[in-house]
Amino acid sequence: VPADKLERLQSKAKVNYHIGRGTFSRLHKAEIDKIGLTRKNGT
């Protein structure tokens, strides 16, 4: 993220003690998709 936008992110930081169902898998899949990692069968 560009330096001039970091302060805006900082000002909006908020902790949520509840982690929704599926959050881990959703965030993980999004990152794996960016990396482009797949099994031999394409999954």
Full PDB file with SEQRES, HELIX, SHEET, SSBOND, CRYST1, ORIGX, SCALE, CONECT and MASTER records, all heavy atoms in Angstrom:
SEQRES   1 A   43  VAL PRO ALA ASP LYS LEU GLU ARG LEU GLN SER LYS ALA          
SEQRES   2 A   43  LYS VAL ASN TYR HIS ILE GLY ARG GLY THR PHE SER ARG          
SEQRES   3 A   43  LEU HIS LYS ALA GLU ILE ASP LYS ILE GLY LEU THR ARG          
SEQRES   4 A   43  LYS ASN GLY THR                                              
HELIX    1 AA1 ALA A    3  SER A   11  1                                   9    
HELIX    2 AA2 THR A   23  ILE A   35  1                                  13    
CRYST1    1.000    1.000    1.000  90.00  90.00  90.00 P 1           1          
ORIGX1      1.000000  0.000000  0.000000        0.00000                         
ORIGX2      0.000000  1.000000  0.000000        0.00000                         
ORIGX3      0.000000  0.000000  1.000000        0.00000                         
SCALE1      1.000000  0.000000  0.000000        0.00000                         
SCALE2      0.000000  1.000000  0.000000        0.00000                         
SCALE3      0.000000  0.000000  1.000000        0.00000                         
ATOM      1  N   VAL A   1       0.840  -1.194   0.000  1.00  0.00           N  
ATOM      2  CA  VAL A   1       0.000   0.000   0.000  1.00  0.00           C  
ATOM      3  C   VAL A   1       0.881   1.253   0.000  1.00  0.00           C  
ATOM      4  O   VAL A   1       1.836   1.341   0.781  1.00  0.00           O  
ATOM      5  CB  VAL A   1      -0.936   0.009   1.233  1.00  0.00           C  
ATOM      6  CG1 VAL A   1      -1.670   1.340   1.366  1.00  0.00           C  
ATOM      7  CG2 VAL A   1      -1.942  -1.140   1.132  1.00  0.00           C  
ATOM      8  N   PRO A   2       0.586   2.241  -0.843  1.00  0.00           N  
ATOM      9  CA  PRO A   2       1.382   3.480  -0.869  1.00  0.00           C  
ATOM     10  C   PRO A   2       1.410   4.164   0.492  1.00  0.00           C  
ATOM     11  O   PRO A   2       0.430   4.104   1.246  1.00  0.00           O  
ATOM     12  CB  PRO A   2       0.642   4.343  -1.897  1.00  0.00           C  
ATOM     13  CG  PRO A   2      -0.071   3.362  -2.770  1.00  0.00           C  
ATOM     14  CD  PRO A   2      -0.474   2.242  -1.859  1.00  0.00           C  
ATOM     15  N   ALA A   3       2.513   4.794   0.803  1.00  0.00           N  
ATOM     16  CA  ALA A   3       2.712   5.419   2.109  1.00  0.00           C  
ATOM     17  C   ALA A   3       1.626   6.432   2.452  1.00  0.00           C  
ATOM     18  O   ALA A   3       1.227   6.556   3.611  1.00  0.00           O  
ATOM     19  CB  ALA A   3       4.091   6.071   2.165  1.00  0.00           C  
ATOM     20  N   ASP A   4       1.133   7.165   1.450  1.00  0.00           N  
ATOM     21  CA  ASP A   4       0.157   8.210   1.724  1.00  0.00           C  
ATOM     22  C   ASP A   4      -1.227   7.650   2.081  1.00  0.00           C  
ATOM     23  O   ASP A   4      -2.108   8.403   2.499  1.00  0.00           O  
ATOM     24  CB  ASP A   4       0.035   9.160   0.525  1.00  0.00           C  
ATOM     25  CG  ASP A   4      -0.418   8.438  -0.745  1.00  0.00           C  
ATOM     26  OD1 ASP A   4      -0.177   7.219  -0.867  1.00  0.00           O  
ATOM     27  OD2 ASP A   4      -1.010   9.102  -1.610  1.00  0.00           O  
ATOM     28  N   LYS A   5      -1.412   6.342   1.932  1.00  0.00           N  
ATOM     29  CA  LYS A   5      -2.701   5.739   2.273  1.00  0.00           C  
ATOM     30  C   LYS A   5      -2.659   4.940   3.577  1.00  0.00           C  
ATOM     31  O   LYS A   5      -3.692   4.488   4.062  1.00  0.00           O  
ATOM     32  CB  LYS A   5      -3.168   4.828   1.132  1.00  0.00           C  
ATOM     33  CG  LYS A   5      -3.467   5.573  -0.153  1.00  0.00           C  
ATOM     34  CD  LYS A   5      -4.001   4.640  -1.221  1.00  0.00           C  
ATOM     35  CE  LYS A   5      -4.332   5.423  -2.497  1.00  0.00           C  
ATOM     36  NZ  LYS A   5      -4.864   4.532  -3.564  1.00  0.00           N  
ATOM     37  N   LEU A   6      -1.481   4.796   4.139  1.00  0.00           N  
ATOM     38  CA  LEU A   6      -1.332   4.002   5.357  1.00  0.00           C  
ATOM     39  C   LEU A   6      -2.009   4.649   6.561  1.00  0.00           C  
ATOM     40  O   LEU A   6      -2.595   3.964   7.405  1.00  0.00           O  
ATOM     41  CB  LEU A   6       0.146   3.753   5.654  1.00  0.00           C  
ATOM     42  CG  LEU A   6       0.865   2.791   4.701  1.00  0.00           C  
ATOM     43  CD1 LEU A   6       2.353   2.765   5.011  1.00  0.00           C  
ATOM     44  CD2 LEU A   6       0.278   1.386   4.820  1.00  0.00           C  
ATOM     45  N   GLU A   7      -1.918   5.969   6.667  1.00  0.00           N  
ATOM     46  CA  GLU A   7      -2.531   6.651   7.807  1.00  0.00           C  
ATOM     47  C   GLU A   7      -4.046   6.462   7.816  1.00  0.00           C  
ATOM     48  O   GLU A   7      -4.653   6.345   8.884  1.00  0.00           O  
ATOM     49  CB  GLU A   7      -2.170   8.136   7.796  1.00  0.00           C  
ATOM     50  CG  GLU A   7      -0.726   8.411   8.173  1.00  0.00           C  
ATOM     51  CD  GLU A   7      -0.449   9.892   8.360  1.00  0.00           C  
ATOM     52  OE1 GLU A   7      -1.407  10.694   8.304  1.00  0.00           O  
ATOM     53  OE2 GLU A   7       0.730  10.246   8.566  1.00  0.00           O  
ATOM     54  N   ARG A   8      -4.642   6.408   6.643  1.00  0.00           N  
ATOM     55  CA  ARG A   8      -6.090   6.191   6.563  1.00  0.00           C  
ATOM     56  C   ARG A   8      -6.437   4.793   7.058  1.00  0.00           C  
ATOM     57  O   ARG A   8      -7.405   4.604   7.797  1.00  0.00           O  
ATOM     58  CB  ARG A   8      -6.572   6.365   5.125  1.00  0.00           C  
ATOM     59  CG  ARG A   8      -8.101   6.304   4.978  1.00  0.00           C  
ATOM     60  CD  ARG A   8      -8.523   6.735   3.580  1.00  0.00           C  
ATOM     61  NE  ARG A   8      -9.975   6.797   3.474  1.00  0.00           N  
ATOM     62  CZ  ARG A   8     -10.751   5.760   3.187  1.00  0.00           C  
ATOM     63  NH1 ARG A   8     -10.196   4.574   2.976  1.00  0.00           N  
ATOM     64  NH2 ARG A   8     -12.061   5.884   3.115  1.00  0.00           N  
ATOM     65  N   LEU A   9      -5.650   3.802   6.664  1.00  0.00           N  
ATOM     66  CA  LEU A   9      -5.864   2.449   7.161  1.00  0.00           C  
ATOM     67  C   LEU A   9      -5.682   2.396   8.675  1.00  0.00           C  
ATOM     68  O   LEU A   9      -6.455   1.761   9.389  1.00  0.00           O  
ATOM     69  CB  LEU A   9      -4.898   1.475   6.486  1.00  0.00           C  
ATOM     70  CG  LEU A   9      -5.194   1.088   5.042  1.00  0.00           C  
ATOM     71  CD1 LEU A   9      -4.049   0.265   4.470  1.00  0.00           C  
ATOM     72  CD2 LEU A   9      -6.495   0.307   4.951  1.00  0.00           C  
ATOM     73  N   GLN A  10      -4.653   3.078   9.150  1.00  0.00           N  
ATOM     74  CA  GLN A  10      -4.384   3.102  10.582  1.00  0.00           C  
ATOM     75  C   GLN A  10      -5.560   3.685  11.360  1.00  0.00           C  
ATOM     76  O   GLN A  10      -5.954   3.158  12.399  1.00  0.00           O  
ATOM     77  CB  GLN A  10      -3.120   3.927  10.864  1.00  0.00           C  
ATOM     78  CG  GLN A  10      -2.753   3.984  12.347  1.00  0.00           C  
ATOM     79  CD  GLN A  10      -1.651   4.999  12.614  1.00  0.00           C  
ATOM     80  OE1 GLN A  10      -1.455   5.936  11.834  1.00  0.00           O  
ATOM     81  NE2 GLN A  10      -0.933   4.819  13.709  1.00  0.00           N  
ATOM     82  N   SER A  11      -6.149   4.733  10.843  1.00  0.00           N  
ATOM     83  CA  SER A  11      -7.257   5.401  11.535  1.00  0.00           C  
ATOM     84  C   SER A  11      -8.518   4.543  11.579  1.00  0.00           C  
ATOM     85  O   SER A  11      -9.387   4.738  12.430  1.00  0.00           O  
ATOM     86  CB  SER A  11      -7.579   6.737  10.852  1.00  0.00           C  
ATOM     87  OG  SER A  11      -8.131   6.532   9.559  1.00  0.00           O  
ATOM     88  N   LYS A  12      -8.617   3.567  10.672  1.00  0.00           N  
ATOM     89  CA  LYS A  12      -9.808   2.723  10.615  1.00  0.00           C  
ATOM     90  C   LYS A  12      -9.618   1.369  11.283  1.00  0.00           C  
ATOM     91  O   LYS A  12     -10.525   0.526  11.286  1.00  0.00           O  
ATOM     92  CB  LYS A  12     -10.224   2.516   9.151  1.00  0.00           C  
ATOM     93  CG  LYS A  12     -10.755   3.779   8.478  1.00  0.00           C  
ATOM     94  CD  LYS A  12     -11.193   3.496   7.056  1.00  0.00           C  
ATOM     95  CE  LYS A  12     -11.833   4.727   6.426  1.00  0.00           C  
ATOM     96  NZ  LYS A  12     -13.096   5.089   7.088  1.00  0.00           N  
ATOM     97  N   ALA A  13      -8.439   1.144  11.858  1.00  0.00           N  
ATOM     98  CA  ALA A  13      -8.155  -0.152  12.485  1.00  0.00           C  
ATOM     99  C   ALA A  13      -9.109  -0.424  13.644  1.00  0.00           C  
ATOM    100  O   ALA A  13      -9.279   0.400  14.537  1.00  0.00           O  
ATOM    101  CB  ALA A  13      -6.714  -0.191  12.965  1.00  0.00           C  
ATOM    102  N   LYS A  14      -9.721  -1.589  13.614  1.00  0.00           N  
ATOM    103  CA  LYS A  14     -10.680  -1.965  14.659  1.00  0.00           C  
ATOM    104  C   LYS A  14     -10.624  -3.475  14.876  1.00  0.00           C  
ATOM    105  O   LYS A  14     -10.642  -4.251  13.922  1.00  0.00           O  
ATOM    106  CB  LYS A  14     -12.100  -1.556  14.240  1.00  0.00           C  
ATOM    107  CG  LYS A  14     -13.170  -1.863  15.277  1.00  0.00           C  
ATOM    108  CD  LYS A  14     -14.535  -1.407  14.788  1.00  0.00           C  
ATOM    109  CE  LYS A  14     -15.615  -1.725  15.828  1.00  0.00           C  
ATOM    110  NZ  LYS A  14     -16.973  -1.308  15.353  1.00  0.00           N  
ATOM    111  N   VAL A  15     -10.547  -3.873  16.141  1.00  0.00           N  
ATOM    112  CA  VAL A  15     -10.475  -5.296  16.442  1.00  0.00           C  
ATOM    113  C   VAL A  15     -11.873  -5.874  16.631  1.00  0.00           C  
ATOM    114  O   VAL A  15     -12.743  -5.263  17.251  1.00  0.00           O  
ATOM    115  CB  VAL A  15      -9.606  -5.557  17.698  1.00  0.00           C  
ATOM    116  CG1 VAL A  15     -10.223  -4.911  18.945  1.00  0.00           C  
ATOM    117  CG2 VAL A  15      -9.406  -7.048  17.921  1.00  0.00           C  
ATOM    118  N   ASN A  16     -12.081  -7.029  16.050  1.00  0.00           N  
ATOM    119  CA  ASN A  16     -13.338  -7.758  16.189  1.00  0.00           C  
ATOM    120  C   ASN A  16     -13.004  -9.105  16.821  1.00  0.00           C  
ATOM    121  O   ASN A  16     -12.271  -9.906  16.236  1.00  0.00           O  
ATOM    122  CB  ASN A  16     -14.001  -7.954  14.822  1.00  0.00           C  
ATOM    123  CG  ASN A  16     -15.382  -8.584  14.920  1.00  0.00           C  
ATOM    124  OD1 ASN A  16     -15.708  -9.227  15.909  1.00  0.00           O  
ATOM    125  ND2 ASN A  16     -16.187  -8.417  13.891  1.00  0.00           N  
ATOM    126  N   TYR A  17     -13.552  -9.358  17.992  1.00  0.00           N  
ATOM    127  CA  TYR A  17     -13.189 -10.580  18.707  1.00  0.00           C  
ATOM    128  C   TYR A  17     -13.826 -11.829  18.092  1.00  0.00           C  
ATOM    129  O   TYR A  17     -13.397 -12.944  18.356  1.00  0.00           O  
ATOM    130  CB  TYR A  17     -13.589 -10.458  20.178  1.00  0.00           C  
ATOM    131  CG  TYR A  17     -12.897  -9.313  20.871  1.00  0.00           C  
ATOM    132  CD1 TYR A  17     -13.594  -8.181  21.266  1.00  0.00           C  
ATOM    133  CD2 TYR A  17     -11.526  -9.350  21.100  1.00  0.00           C  
ATOM    134  CE1 TYR A  17     -12.943  -7.117  21.881  1.00  0.00           C  
ATOM    135  CE2 TYR A  17     -10.869  -8.293  21.708  1.00  0.00           C  
ATOM    136  CZ  TYR A  17     -11.590  -7.181  22.099  1.00  0.00           C  
ATOM    137  OH  TYR A  17     -10.943  -6.137  22.697  1.00  0.00           O  
ATOM    138  N   HIS A  18     -14.839 -11.642  17.283  1.00  0.00           N  
ATOM    139  CA  HIS A  18     -15.498 -12.774  16.643  1.00  0.00           C  
ATOM    140  C   HIS A  18     -14.954 -12.967  15.234  1.00  0.00           C  
ATOM    141  O   HIS A  18     -14.953 -12.042  14.424  1.00  0.00           O  
ATOM    142  CB  HIS A  18     -17.021 -12.548  16.563  1.00  0.00           C  
ATOM    143  CG  HIS A  18     -17.737 -13.596  15.775  1.00  0.00           C  
ATOM    144  ND1 HIS A  18     -17.921 -14.877  16.243  1.00  0.00           N  
ATOM    145  CD2 HIS A  18     -18.299 -13.562  14.530  1.00  0.00           C  
ATOM    146  CE1 HIS A  18     -18.564 -15.587  15.344  1.00  0.00           C  
ATOM    147  NE2 HIS A  18     -18.805 -14.822  14.294  1.00  0.00           N  
ATOM    148  N   ILE A  19     -14.477 -14.171  14.962  1.00  0.00           N  
ATOM    149  CA  ILE A  19     -14.015 -14.522  13.630  1.00  0.00           C  
ATOM    150  C   ILE A  19     -15.089 -15.378  12.986  1.00  0.00           C  
ATOM    151  O   ILE A  19     -15.405 -16.465  13.466  1.00  0.00           O  
ATOM    152  CB  ILE A  19     -12.675 -15.284  13.680  1.00  0.00           C  
ATOM    153  CG1 ILE A  19     -11.593 -14.405  14.309  1.00  0.00           C  
ATOM    154  CG2 ILE A  19     -12.248 -15.712  12.274  1.00  0.00           C  
ATOM    155  CD1 ILE A  19     -10.269 -15.106  14.491  1.00  0.00           C  
ATOM    156  N   GLY A  20     -15.686 -14.875  11.926  1.00  0.00           N  
ATOM    157  CA  GLY A  20     -16.806 -15.547  11.286  1.00  0.00           C  
ATOM    158  C   GLY A  20     -16.448 -16.900  10.700  1.00  0.00           C  
ATOM    159  O   GLY A  20     -15.298 -17.171  10.349  1.00  0.00           O  
ATOM    160  N   ARG A  21     -17.430 -17.753  10.609  1.00  0.00           N  
ATOM    161  CA  ARG A  21     -17.246 -19.074  10.015  1.00  0.00           C  
ATOM    162  C   ARG A  21     -16.797 -18.921   8.558  1.00  0.00           C  
ATOM    163  O   ARG A  21     -17.381 -18.174   7.787  1.00  0.00           O  
ATOM    164  CB  ARG A  21     -18.560 -19.861  10.080  1.00  0.00           C  
ATOM    165  CG  ARG A  21     -18.447 -21.305   9.601  1.00  0.00           C  
ATOM    166  CD  ARG A  21     -19.761 -22.041   9.791  1.00  0.00           C  
ATOM    167  NE  ARG A  21     -19.684 -23.406   9.320  1.00  0.00           N  
ATOM    168  CZ  ARG A  21     -19.206 -24.416  10.014  1.00  0.00           C  
ATOM    169  NH1 ARG A  21     -18.766 -24.214  11.244  1.00  0.00           N  
ATOM    170  NH2 ARG A  21     -19.167 -25.645   9.523  1.00  0.00           N  
ATOM    171  N   GLY A  22     -15.759 -19.605   8.192  1.00  0.00           N  
ATOM    172  CA  GLY A  22     -15.277 -19.545   6.827  1.00  0.00           C  
ATOM    173  C   GLY A  22     -14.256 -18.457   6.560  1.00  0.00           C  
ATOM    174  O   GLY A  22     -13.703 -18.387   5.453  1.00  0.00           O  
ATOM    175  N   THR A  23     -13.985 -17.594   7.569  1.00  0.00           N  
ATOM    176  CA  THR A  23     -13.044 -16.487   7.358  1.00  0.00           C  
ATOM    177  C   THR A  23     -11.647 -16.987   7.024  1.00  0.00           C  
ATOM    178  O   THR A  23     -11.008 -16.508   6.076  1.00  0.00           O  
ATOM    179  CB  THR A  23     -12.984 -15.578   8.599  1.00  0.00           C  
ATOM    180  OG1 THR A  23     -14.272 -15.008   8.836  1.00  0.00           O  
ATOM    181  CG2 THR A  23     -11.969 -14.459   8.408  1.00  0.00           C  
ATOM    182  N   PHE A  24     -11.146 -17.954   7.795  1.00  0.00           N  
ATOM    183  CA  PHE A  24      -9.802 -18.472   7.552  1.00  0.00           C  
ATOM    184  C   PHE A  24      -9.683 -19.029   6.129  1.00  0.00           C  
ATOM    185  O   PHE A  24      -8.738 -18.722   5.398  1.00  0.00           O  
ATOM    186  CB  PHE A  24      -9.454 -19.578   8.548  1.00  0.00           C  
ATOM    187  CG  PHE A  24      -9.264 -19.113   9.964  1.00  0.00           C  
ATOM    188  CD1 PHE A  24      -9.257 -20.015  11.010  1.00  0.00           C  
ATOM    189  CD2 PHE A  24      -9.077 -17.771  10.261  1.00  0.00           C  
ATOM    190  CE1 PHE A  24      -9.072 -19.601  12.317  1.00  0.00           C  
ATOM    191  CE2 PHE A  24      -8.895 -17.344  11.562  1.00  0.00           C  
ATOM    192  CZ  PHE A  24      -8.892 -18.268  12.601  1.00  0.00           C  
ATOM    193  N   SER A  25     -10.649 -19.845   5.743  1.00  0.00           N  
ATOM    194  CA  SER A  25     -10.600 -20.481   4.423  1.00  0.00           C  
ATOM    195  C   SER A  25     -10.708 -19.446   3.304  1.00  0.00           C  
ATOM    196  O   SER A  25     -10.021 -19.535   2.280  1.00  0.00           O  
ATOM    197  CB  SER A  25     -11.720 -21.508   4.291  1.00  0.00           C  
ATOM    198  OG  SER A  25     -11.526 -22.572   5.199  1.00  0.00           O  
ATOM    199  N   ARG A  26     -11.563 -18.438   3.506  1.00  0.00           N  
ATOM    200  CA  ARG A  26     -11.750 -17.405   2.487  1.00  0.00           C  
ATOM    201  C   ARG A  26     -10.470 -16.607   2.257  1.00  0.00           C  
ATOM    202  O   ARG A  26     -10.039 -16.394   1.107  1.00  0.00           O  
ATOM    203  CB  ARG A  26     -12.889 -16.466   2.890  1.00  0.00           C  
ATOM    204  CG  ARG A  26     -13.072 -15.275   1.950  1.00  0.00           C  
ATOM    205  CD  ARG A  26     -14.282 -14.440   2.355  1.00  0.00           C  
ATOM    206  NE  ARG A  26     -14.201 -13.947   3.715  1.00  0.00           N  
ATOM    207  CZ  ARG A  26     -13.506 -12.865   4.078  1.00  0.00           C  
ATOM    208  NH1 ARG A  26     -12.819 -12.177   3.182  1.00  0.00           N  
ATOM    209  NH2 ARG A  26     -13.508 -12.462   5.345  1.00  0.00           N  
ATOM    210  N   LEU A  27      -9.843 -16.159   3.344  1.00  0.00           N  
ATOM    211  CA  LEU A  27      -8.622 -15.371   3.233  1.00  0.00           C  
ATOM    212  C   LEU A  27      -7.482 -16.214   2.662  1.00  0.00           C  
ATOM    213  O   LEU A  27      -6.679 -15.739   1.849  1.00  0.00           O  
ATOM    214  CB  LEU A  27      -8.231 -14.802   4.598  1.00  0.00           C  
ATOM    215  CG  LEU A  27      -9.196 -13.788   5.213  1.00  0.00           C  
ATOM    216  CD1 LEU A  27      -8.730 -13.392   6.606  1.00  0.00           C  
ATOM    217  CD2 LEU A  27      -9.332 -12.550   4.324  1.00  0.00           C  
ATOM    218  N   HIS A  28      -7.424 -17.466   3.094  1.00  0.00           N  
ATOM    219  CA  HIS A  28      -6.370 -18.364   2.624  1.00  0.00           C  
ATOM    220  C   HIS A  28      -6.516 -18.625   1.132  1.00  0.00           C  
ATOM    221  O   HIS A  28      -5.538 -18.549   0.369  1.00  0.00           O  
ATOM    222  CB  HIS A  28      -6.451 -19.685   3.405  1.00  0.00           C  
ATOM    223  CG  HIS A  28      -5.461 -20.713   2.954  1.00  0.00           C  
ATOM    224  ND1 HIS A  28      -5.786 -21.704   2.052  1.00  0.00           N  
ATOM    225  CD2 HIS A  28      -4.148 -20.898   3.258  1.00  0.00           C  
ATOM    226  CE1 HIS A  28      -4.725 -22.462   1.840  1.00  0.00           C  
ATOM    227  NE2 HIS A  28      -3.729 -21.999   2.548  1.00  0.00           N  
ATOM    228  N   LYS A  29      -7.722 -18.917   0.673  1.00  0.00           N  
ATOM    229  CA  LYS A  29      -7.944 -19.207  -0.746  1.00  0.00           C  
ATOM    230  C   LYS A  29      -7.593 -18.006  -1.623  1.00  0.00           C  
ATOM    231  O   LYS A  29      -6.990 -18.155  -2.691  1.00  0.00           O  
ATOM    232  CB  LYS A  29      -9.395 -19.619  -0.998  1.00  0.00           C  
ATOM    233  CG  LYS A  29      -9.664 -20.029  -2.445  1.00  0.00           C  
ATOM    234  CD  LYS A  29     -11.096 -20.446  -2.647  1.00  0.00           C  
ATOM    235  CE  LYS A  29     -11.308 -20.944  -4.086  1.00  0.00           C  
ATOM    236  NZ  LYS A  29     -10.922 -19.949  -5.108  1.00  0.00           N  
ATOM    237  N   ALA A  30      -7.951 -16.808  -1.150  1.00  0.00           N  
ATOM    238  CA  ALA A  30      -7.652 -15.606  -1.927  1.00  0.00           C  
ATOM    239  C   ALA A  30      -6.149 -15.451  -2.128  1.00  0.00           C  
ATOM    240  O   ALA A  30      -5.686 -15.084  -3.217  1.00  0.00           O  
ATOM    241  CB  ALA A  30      -8.227 -14.379  -1.220  1.00  0.00           C  
ATOM    242  N   GLU A  31      -5.368 -15.745  -1.089  1.00  0.00           N  
ATOM    243  CA  GLU A  31      -3.919 -15.603  -1.196  1.00  0.00           C  
ATOM    244  C   GLU A  31      -3.308 -16.712  -2.042  1.00  0.00           C  
ATOM    245  O   GLU A  31      -2.397 -16.463  -2.846  1.00  0.00           O  
ATOM    246  CB  GLU A  31      -3.292 -15.593   0.204  1.00  0.00           C  
ATOM    247  CG  GLU A  31      -1.878 -15.061   0.252  1.00  0.00           C  
ATOM    248  CD  GLU A  31      -1.758 -13.611  -0.198  1.00  0.00           C  
ATOM    249  OE1 GLU A  31      -2.760 -12.873  -0.133  1.00  0.00           O  
ATOM    250  OE2 GLU A  31      -0.662 -13.214  -0.632  1.00  0.00           O  
ATOM    251  N   ILE A  32      -3.799 -17.944  -1.871  1.00  0.00           N  
ATOM    252  CA  ILE A  32      -3.294 -19.059  -2.669  1.00  0.00           C  
ATOM    253  C   ILE A  32      -3.589 -18.823  -4.150  1.00  0.00           C  
ATOM    254  O   ILE A  32      -2.771 -19.134  -5.026  1.00  0.00           O  
ATOM    255  CB  ILE A  32      -3.922 -20.382  -2.196  1.00  0.00           C  
ATOM    256  CG1 ILE A  32      -3.395 -20.764  -0.804  1.00  0.00           C  
ATOM    257  CG2 ILE A  32      -3.635 -21.511  -3.184  1.00  0.00           C  
ATOM    258  CD1 ILE A  32      -1.907 -21.012  -0.735  1.00  0.00           C  
ATOM    259  N   ASP A  33      -4.753 -18.240  -4.429  1.00  0.00           N  
ATOM    260  CA  ASP A  33      -5.095 -17.923  -5.820  1.00  0.00           C  
ATOM    261  C   ASP A  33      -4.108 -16.907  -6.408  1.00  0.00           C  
ATOM    262  O   ASP A  33      -3.716 -17.003  -7.579  1.00  0.00           O  
ATOM    263  CB  ASP A  33      -6.513 -17.363  -5.908  1.00  0.00           C  
ATOM    264  CG  ASP A  33      -7.578 -18.433  -5.728  1.00  0.00           C  
ATOM    265  OD1 ASP A  33      -7.224 -19.634  -5.788  1.00  0.00           O  
ATOM    266  OD2 ASP A  33      -8.747 -18.088  -5.496  1.00  0.00           O  
ATOM    267  N   LYS A  34      -3.698 -15.921  -5.589  1.00  0.00           N  
ATOM    268  CA  LYS A  34      -2.728 -14.925  -6.052  1.00  0.00           C  
ATOM    269  C   LYS A  34      -1.386 -15.570  -6.366  1.00  0.00           C  
ATOM    270  O   LYS A  34      -0.722 -15.240  -7.346  1.00  0.00           O  
ATOM    271  CB  LYS A  34      -2.531 -13.840  -4.987  1.00  0.00           C  
ATOM    272  CG  LYS A  34      -3.697 -12.890  -4.824  1.00  0.00           C  
ATOM    273  CD  LYS A  34      -3.374 -11.867  -3.746  1.00  0.00           C  
ATOM    274  CE  LYS A  34      -4.543 -10.945  -3.475  1.00  0.00           C  
ATOM    275  NZ  LYS A  34      -4.241  -9.988  -2.381  1.00  0.00           N  
ATOM    276  N   ILE A  35      -0.987 -16.501  -5.487  1.00  0.00           N  
ATOM    277  CA  ILE A  35       0.294 -17.182  -5.667  1.00  0.00           C  
ATOM    278  C   ILE A  35       0.254 -18.091  -6.897  1.00  0.00           C  
ATOM    279  O   ILE A  35       1.243 -18.273  -7.600  1.00  0.00           O  
ATOM    280  CB  ILE A  35       0.640 -18.008  -4.406  1.00  0.00           C  
ATOM    281  CG1 ILE A  35       0.890 -17.072  -3.219  1.00  0.00           C  
ATOM    282  CG2 ILE A  35       1.867 -18.888  -4.639  1.00  0.00           C  
ATOM    283  CD1 ILE A  35       1.025 -17.792  -1.892  1.00  0.00           C  
ATOM    284  N   GLY A  36      -0.926 -18.661  -7.135  1.00  0.00           N  
ATOM    285  CA  GLY A  36      -1.073 -19.552  -8.277  1.00  0.00           C  
ATOM    286  C   GLY A  36      -0.707 -20.989  -7.976  1.00  0.00           C  
ATOM    287  O   GLY A  36      -0.382 -21.767  -8.881  1.00  0.00           O  
ATOM    288  N   LEU A  37      -0.771 -21.367  -6.684  1.00  0.00           N  
ATOM    289  CA  LEU A  37      -0.416 -22.729  -6.291  1.00  0.00           C  
ATOM    290  C   LEU A  37      -1.590 -23.667  -6.552  1.00  0.00           C  
ATOM    291  O   LEU A  37      -2.705 -23.425  -6.094  1.00  0.00           O  
ATOM    292  CB  LEU A  37      -0.041 -22.769  -4.810  1.00  0.00           C  
ATOM    293  CG  LEU A  37       0.349 -24.134  -4.245  1.00  0.00           C  
ATOM    294  CD1 LEU A  37       1.645 -24.614  -4.891  1.00  0.00           C  
ATOM    295  CD2 LEU A  37       0.518 -24.045  -2.724  1.00  0.00           C  
ATOM    296  N   THR A  38      -1.342 -24.734  -7.281  1.00  0.00           N  
ATOM    297  CA  THR A  38      -2.378 -25.736  -7.532  1.00  0.00           C  
ATOM    298  C   THR A  38      -1.785 -27.131  -7.397  1.00  0.00           C  
ATOM    299  O   THR A  38      -0.571 -27.325  -7.510  1.00  0.00           O  
ATOM    300  CB  THR A  38      -2.976 -25.606  -8.950  1.00  0.00           C  
ATOM    301  OG1 THR A  38      -1.925 -25.758  -9.910  1.00  0.00           O  
ATOM    302  CG2 THR A  38      -3.662 -24.261  -9.138  1.00  0.00           C  
ATOM    303  N   ARG A  39      -2.666 -28.112  -7.146  1.00  0.00           N  
ATOM    304  CA  ARG A  39      -2.247 -29.505  -7.151  1.00  0.00           C  
ATOM    305  C   ARG A  39      -2.084 -29.971  -8.601  1.00  0.00           C  
ATOM    306  O   ARG A  39      -2.454 -29.278  -9.538  1.00  0.00           O  
ATOM    307  CB  ARG A  39      -3.299 -30.373  -6.449  1.00  0.00           C  
ATOM    308  CG  ARG A  39      -3.554 -30.042  -4.996  1.00  0.00           C  
ATOM    309  CD  ARG A  39      -4.464 -31.114  -4.416  1.00  0.00           C  
ATOM    310  NE  ARG A  39      -4.817 -30.835  -3.028  1.00  0.00           N  
ATOM    311  CZ  ARG A  39      -6.005 -30.383  -2.651  1.00  0.00           C  
ATOM    312  NH1 ARG A  39      -6.944 -30.146  -3.548  1.00  0.00           N  
ATOM    313  NH2 ARG A  39      -6.259 -30.170  -1.375  1.00  0.00           N  
ATOM    314  N   LYS A  40      -1.571 -31.181  -8.754  1.00  0.00           N  
ATOM    315  CA  LYS A  40      -1.381 -31.734 -10.090  1.00  0.00           C  
ATOM    316  C   LYS A  40      -2.707 -31.928 -10.809  1.00  0.00           C  
ATOM    317  O   LYS A  40      -2.755 -31.907 -12.043  1.00  0.00           O  
ATOM    318  CB  LYS A  40      -0.625 -33.065  -9.998  1.00  0.00           C  
ATOM    319  CG  LYS A  40       0.837 -32.904  -9.584  1.00  0.00           C  
ATOM    320  CD  LYS A  40       1.551 -34.237  -9.540  1.00  0.00           C  
ATOM    321  CE  LYS A  40       3.015 -34.061  -9.143  1.00  0.00           C  
ATOM    322  NZ  LYS A  40       3.724 -35.370  -9.085  1.00  0.00           N  
ATOM    323  N   ASN A  41      -3.788 -32.142 -10.022  1.00  0.00           N  
ATOM    324  CA  ASN A  41      -5.094 -32.336 -10.645  1.00  0.00           C  
ATOM    325  C   ASN A  41      -5.813 -31.012 -10.918  1.00  0.00           C  
ATOM    326  O   ASN A  41      -6.967 -30.990 -11.339  1.00  0.00           O  
ATOM    327  CB  ASN A  41      -5.975 -33.246  -9.794  1.00  0.00           C  
ATOM    328  CG  ASN A  41      -6.296 -32.643  -8.428  1.00  0.00           C  
ATOM    329  OD1 ASN A  41      -5.955 -31.486  -8.150  1.00  0.00           O  
ATOM    330  ND2 ASN A  41      -6.939 -33.418  -7.577  1.00  0.00           N  
ATOM    331  N   GLY A  42      -5.118 -29.891 -10.649  1.00  0.00           N  
ATOM    332  CA  GLY A  42      -5.679 -28.582 -10.958  1.00  0.00           C  
ATOM    333  C   GLY A  42      -6.474 -27.930  -9.846  1.00  0.00           C  
ATOM    334  O   GLY A  42      -6.891 -26.778  -9.970  1.00  0.00           O  
ATOM    335  N   THR A  43      -6.680 -28.641  -8.734  1.00  0.00           N  
ATOM    336  CA  THR A  43      -7.429 -28.061  -7.616  1.00  0.00           C  
ATOM    337  C   THR A  43      -6.510 -27.242  -6.719  1.00  0.00           C  
ATOM    338  O   THR A  43      -5.293 -27.403  -6.736  1.00  0.00           O  
ATOM    339  CB  THR A  43      -8.124 -29.150  -6.786  1.00  0.00           C  
ATOM    340  OG1 THR A  43      -7.130 -30.048  -6.259  1.00  0.00           O  
ATOM    341  CG2 THR A  43      -9.121 -29.922  -7.638  1.00  0.00           C  
TER     342      THR A  43                                                      
MASTER        0    0    0    2    0    0    0    6  341    1    0    4          
END                                                                             
